[in-house]
N, C-alpha and C. Protein backbone atom coordinates (compact mmCIF):
# COMPACT_ATOMS: atom_id res chain seq x y z
N MET A 1 79.31 75.08 121.61
CA MET A 1 79.39 74.17 120.47
C MET A 1 79.12 75.16 119.24
N LYS A 2 79.89 74.80 118.34
CA LYS A 2 79.76 75.59 117.03
C LYS A 2 78.55 75.09 116.13
N ASN A 3 78.03 75.93 115.46
CA ASN A 3 76.88 75.70 114.63
C ASN A 3 77.53 75.80 112.99
N GLU A 4 78.18 74.64 112.68
CA GLU A 4 78.81 74.43 111.41
C GLU A 4 77.90 73.91 110.33
N ALA A 5 78.10 74.52 109.09
CA ALA A 5 77.42 73.97 108.08
C ALA A 5 78.13 74.04 106.67
N VAL A 6 77.94 73.49 105.82
CA VAL A 6 78.60 73.32 104.48
C VAL A 6 77.80 74.12 103.39
N TYR A 7 78.29 75.05 102.76
CA TYR A 7 77.58 75.83 101.69
C TYR A 7 78.29 75.79 100.32
N ILE A 8 77.68 76.15 99.30
CA ILE A 8 78.49 76.25 97.87
C ILE A 8 78.65 77.82 97.80
N ASN A 9 79.87 78.29 97.44
CA ASN A 9 80.10 79.60 97.34
C ASN A 9 80.01 80.04 95.89
N GLU A 10 80.08 81.37 95.54
CA GLU A 10 79.91 81.83 94.04
C GLU A 10 80.71 81.10 92.97
N ASN A 11 81.92 80.43 93.54
CA ASN A 11 82.77 79.73 92.64
C ASN A 11 82.37 78.32 92.42
N GLY A 12 81.25 77.84 93.19
CA GLY A 12 80.98 76.48 93.13
C GLY A 12 81.60 75.55 94.03
N GLU A 13 82.54 76.14 94.94
CA GLU A 13 83.21 75.44 95.89
C GLU A 13 82.48 75.12 97.18
N GLU A 14 82.72 74.02 97.77
CA GLU A 14 81.98 73.76 99.06
C GLU A 14 82.93 74.53 100.25
N ILE A 15 82.26 75.28 101.04
CA ILE A 15 82.98 75.95 102.09
C ILE A 15 82.23 75.61 103.44
N ARG A 16 83.09 75.33 104.49
CA ARG A 16 82.62 75.05 105.83
C ARG A 16 82.49 76.44 106.67
N VAL A 17 81.35 76.70 107.09
CA VAL A 17 81.28 77.94 107.77
C VAL A 17 80.55 77.83 109.18
N GLU A 18 80.92 78.84 110.08
CA GLU A 18 80.07 78.77 111.37
C GLU A 18 79.07 79.72 111.31
N VAL A 19 77.86 79.08 111.34
CA VAL A 19 76.68 80.17 111.27
C VAL A 19 76.49 80.96 112.53
N ILE A 20 76.44 82.05 112.62
CA ILE A 20 75.99 82.86 113.81
C ILE A 20 74.53 82.97 113.94
N LEU A 21 73.77 83.41 112.87
CA LEU A 21 72.32 83.39 112.74
C LEU A 21 71.93 83.38 111.48
N SER A 22 70.57 82.80 111.36
CA SER A 22 69.86 82.87 110.03
C SER A 22 68.75 83.49 110.30
N PHE A 23 68.31 84.14 109.29
CA PHE A 23 67.00 84.91 109.24
C PHE A 23 66.30 85.06 107.87
N SER A 24 65.09 85.59 107.82
CA SER A 24 64.52 85.73 106.34
C SER A 24 63.80 87.00 106.57
N ILE A 25 63.52 87.48 105.24
CA ILE A 25 62.94 88.81 105.21
C ILE A 25 61.75 88.48 104.24
N GLU A 26 60.48 88.59 104.81
CA GLU A 26 59.29 88.20 104.04
C GLU A 26 59.02 89.09 102.83
N GLU A 27 59.56 90.53 103.04
CA GLU A 27 59.38 91.49 101.87
C GLU A 27 60.05 91.00 100.81
N PHE A 28 61.20 90.33 100.93
CA PHE A 28 61.99 89.87 99.56
C PHE A 28 61.83 88.41 99.33
N ASN A 29 61.12 87.72 100.29
CA ASN A 29 60.96 86.27 100.22
C ASN A 29 62.33 85.55 100.06
N LYS A 30 63.10 86.03 100.89
CA LYS A 30 64.58 85.27 100.78
C LYS A 30 65.02 84.93 102.41
N ASN A 31 65.99 83.95 102.19
CA ASN A 31 66.79 83.67 103.47
C ASN A 31 68.10 84.16 103.47
N TYR A 32 68.54 84.43 104.74
CA TYR A 32 69.92 84.96 104.83
C TYR A 32 70.64 84.08 106.00
N ILE A 33 71.98 84.16 105.83
CA ILE A 33 72.81 83.74 106.98
C ILE A 33 73.92 84.71 107.30
N ALA A 34 74.23 84.72 108.61
CA ALA A 34 75.35 85.47 109.17
C ALA A 34 76.38 84.50 109.46
N TYR A 35 77.53 84.54 109.05
CA TYR A 35 78.49 83.41 109.30
C TYR A 35 79.86 83.92 109.38
N THR A 36 80.84 83.11 109.94
CA THR A 36 82.27 83.48 109.84
C THR A 36 82.99 82.29 109.42
N ILE A 37 84.04 82.39 108.80
CA ILE A 37 85.00 81.38 108.50
C ILE A 37 86.43 81.59 109.18
N ASN A 38 86.37 80.74 110.21
CA ASN A 38 87.76 80.86 111.10
C ASN A 38 87.99 79.13 111.28
N ASP A 39 88.85 78.82 110.21
CA ASP A 39 88.89 77.39 110.14
C ASP A 39 90.06 76.88 111.54
N ASP A 40 90.85 77.92 111.99
CA ASP A 40 91.62 77.21 113.07
C ASP A 40 91.43 77.88 114.43
N ASP A 41 90.41 78.57 114.42
CA ASP A 41 89.92 79.29 115.70
C ASP A 41 91.17 79.98 116.25
N SER A 42 91.93 80.59 115.41
CA SER A 42 93.26 81.47 115.77
C SER A 42 92.84 82.75 116.18
N LEU A 43 91.64 83.27 115.49
CA LEU A 43 91.44 84.67 115.71
C LEU A 43 90.50 85.01 116.93
N GLU A 44 90.87 86.03 117.53
CA GLU A 44 90.03 86.38 118.74
C GLU A 44 88.86 86.98 118.14
N THR A 45 88.99 87.93 117.13
CA THR A 45 87.94 88.52 116.34
C THR A 45 87.87 88.06 114.94
N ALA A 46 86.54 87.62 114.69
CA ALA A 46 86.45 87.04 113.20
C ALA A 46 85.46 88.14 112.50
N VAL A 47 85.83 88.18 111.19
CA VAL A 47 84.87 88.91 110.28
C VAL A 47 83.49 88.19 110.09
N VAL A 48 82.40 88.80 110.21
CA VAL A 48 81.13 88.32 109.87
C VAL A 48 80.81 88.57 108.61
N LEU A 49 80.30 87.58 107.82
CA LEU A 49 79.84 87.61 106.49
C LEU A 49 78.14 87.48 106.53
N ILE A 50 77.43 88.21 105.63
CA ILE A 50 76.11 87.99 105.44
C ILE A 50 75.83 87.67 104.06
N ASN A 51 75.20 86.63 103.57
CA ASN A 51 74.76 86.27 102.39
C ASN A 51 73.41 85.80 102.22
N GLU A 52 72.74 85.89 101.16
CA GLU A 52 71.45 85.27 100.74
C GLU A 52 71.74 83.89 100.56
N VAL A 53 70.92 82.98 101.03
CA VAL A 53 70.99 81.54 100.95
C VAL A 53 69.92 80.87 100.15
N ASP A 54 70.29 80.08 98.96
CA ASP A 54 69.22 79.47 98.22
C ASP A 54 69.05 78.18 98.94
N ILE A 55 68.01 77.79 99.80
CA ILE A 55 67.79 76.79 100.69
C ILE A 55 67.62 75.46 99.95
N GLU A 56 67.33 75.53 98.61
CA GLU A 56 67.26 74.34 97.88
C GLU A 56 68.48 73.82 97.22
N THR A 57 69.31 74.76 96.93
CA THR A 57 70.69 74.25 96.39
C THR A 57 71.75 74.41 97.56
N ASN A 58 71.50 75.13 98.53
CA ASN A 58 72.67 75.42 99.55
C ASN A 58 73.59 76.40 99.18
N LYS A 59 73.52 77.22 98.13
CA LYS A 59 74.34 78.13 97.54
C LYS A 59 74.18 79.43 98.30
N LEU A 60 75.60 80.02 98.63
CA LEU A 60 75.47 81.30 98.94
C LEU A 60 75.36 82.35 97.91
N LEU A 61 74.59 83.24 97.92
CA LEU A 61 74.32 84.17 96.99
C LEU A 61 74.69 85.78 97.31
N PRO A 62 75.19 86.61 96.59
CA PRO A 62 75.48 88.06 96.91
C PRO A 62 74.15 88.63 97.17
N ILE A 63 74.13 89.57 98.05
CA ILE A 63 72.95 90.37 98.38
C ILE A 63 72.72 91.60 97.34
N LYS A 64 71.61 91.60 96.78
CA LYS A 64 71.40 92.73 95.75
C LYS A 64 71.64 94.08 96.39
N PHE A 65 72.18 94.96 95.64
CA PHE A 65 72.45 96.28 96.09
C PHE A 65 71.16 96.97 96.99
N GLU A 66 70.09 96.91 96.15
CA GLU A 66 68.99 97.49 96.70
C GLU A 66 68.33 96.86 97.96
N GLU A 67 68.82 95.77 98.34
CA GLU A 67 68.34 95.02 99.55
C GLU A 67 69.51 95.21 100.68
N LYS A 68 70.53 95.67 100.38
CA LYS A 68 71.68 95.54 101.43
C LYS A 68 71.15 96.31 102.69
N GLU A 69 70.55 97.38 102.57
CA GLU A 69 70.07 98.28 103.82
C GLU A 69 69.17 97.71 104.65
N MET A 70 68.15 96.92 104.18
CA MET A 70 67.18 96.22 104.80
C MET A 70 67.83 95.01 105.59
N VAL A 71 68.74 94.35 104.71
CA VAL A 71 69.38 93.11 105.40
C VAL A 71 70.25 93.42 106.63
N LEU A 72 71.03 94.51 106.44
CA LEU A 72 71.92 95.02 107.58
C LEU A 72 71.09 95.55 108.60
N THR A 73 70.08 96.26 108.47
CA THR A 73 69.20 96.64 109.60
C THR A 73 68.49 95.40 110.14
N THR A 74 67.96 94.49 109.47
CA THR A 74 67.32 93.36 110.07
C THR A 74 68.41 92.56 110.94
N TYR A 75 69.69 92.23 110.50
CA TYR A 75 70.84 91.67 111.13
C TYR A 75 70.97 92.32 112.35
N ASN A 76 71.19 93.77 112.37
CA ASN A 76 71.63 94.45 113.58
C ASN A 76 70.41 94.45 114.48
N ASP A 77 69.19 94.46 114.12
CA ASP A 77 67.94 94.24 115.08
C ASP A 77 68.01 93.07 115.84
N ILE A 78 68.26 92.01 115.02
CA ILE A 78 68.45 90.68 115.58
C ILE A 78 69.42 90.64 116.64
N LYS A 79 70.66 91.03 116.19
CA LYS A 79 71.81 90.97 116.89
C LYS A 79 71.65 91.66 118.32
N LYS A 80 70.98 92.91 118.23
CA LYS A 80 70.70 93.60 119.48
C LYS A 80 69.85 92.92 120.40
N THR A 81 68.84 92.38 119.76
CA THR A 81 67.74 91.51 120.68
C THR A 81 68.51 90.42 121.27
N ILE A 82 69.37 89.86 120.56
CA ILE A 82 70.01 88.59 121.18
C ILE A 82 71.17 88.86 122.18
N PHE A 83 71.81 89.93 121.88
CA PHE A 83 73.11 90.38 122.64
C PHE A 83 72.78 91.37 123.80
N ASP A 84 71.87 92.16 123.49
CA ASP A 84 71.67 93.40 124.52
C ASP A 84 70.51 92.96 125.53
N GLU A 85 70.00 91.99 125.42
CA GLU A 85 68.94 91.71 126.31
C GLU A 85 69.38 90.59 127.50
């Protein structure tokens, strides 16, 4: 079963995404989601996107340059815990 959600992108448009996982980083006091957009399920391999999420407005926000390394490290650590164990 897909974990679908609707968010607002940077252009103010609603987009339907399949959420792979969500996580927060306390150091930044921010929430993030890893998701894919595969509307017709035609792709065997989908691109995974990661964005900050403003949980009050449901907006997807770009990750600040200085936060990217920690966000990717956190995502990879969680992914490894989920899929490698």
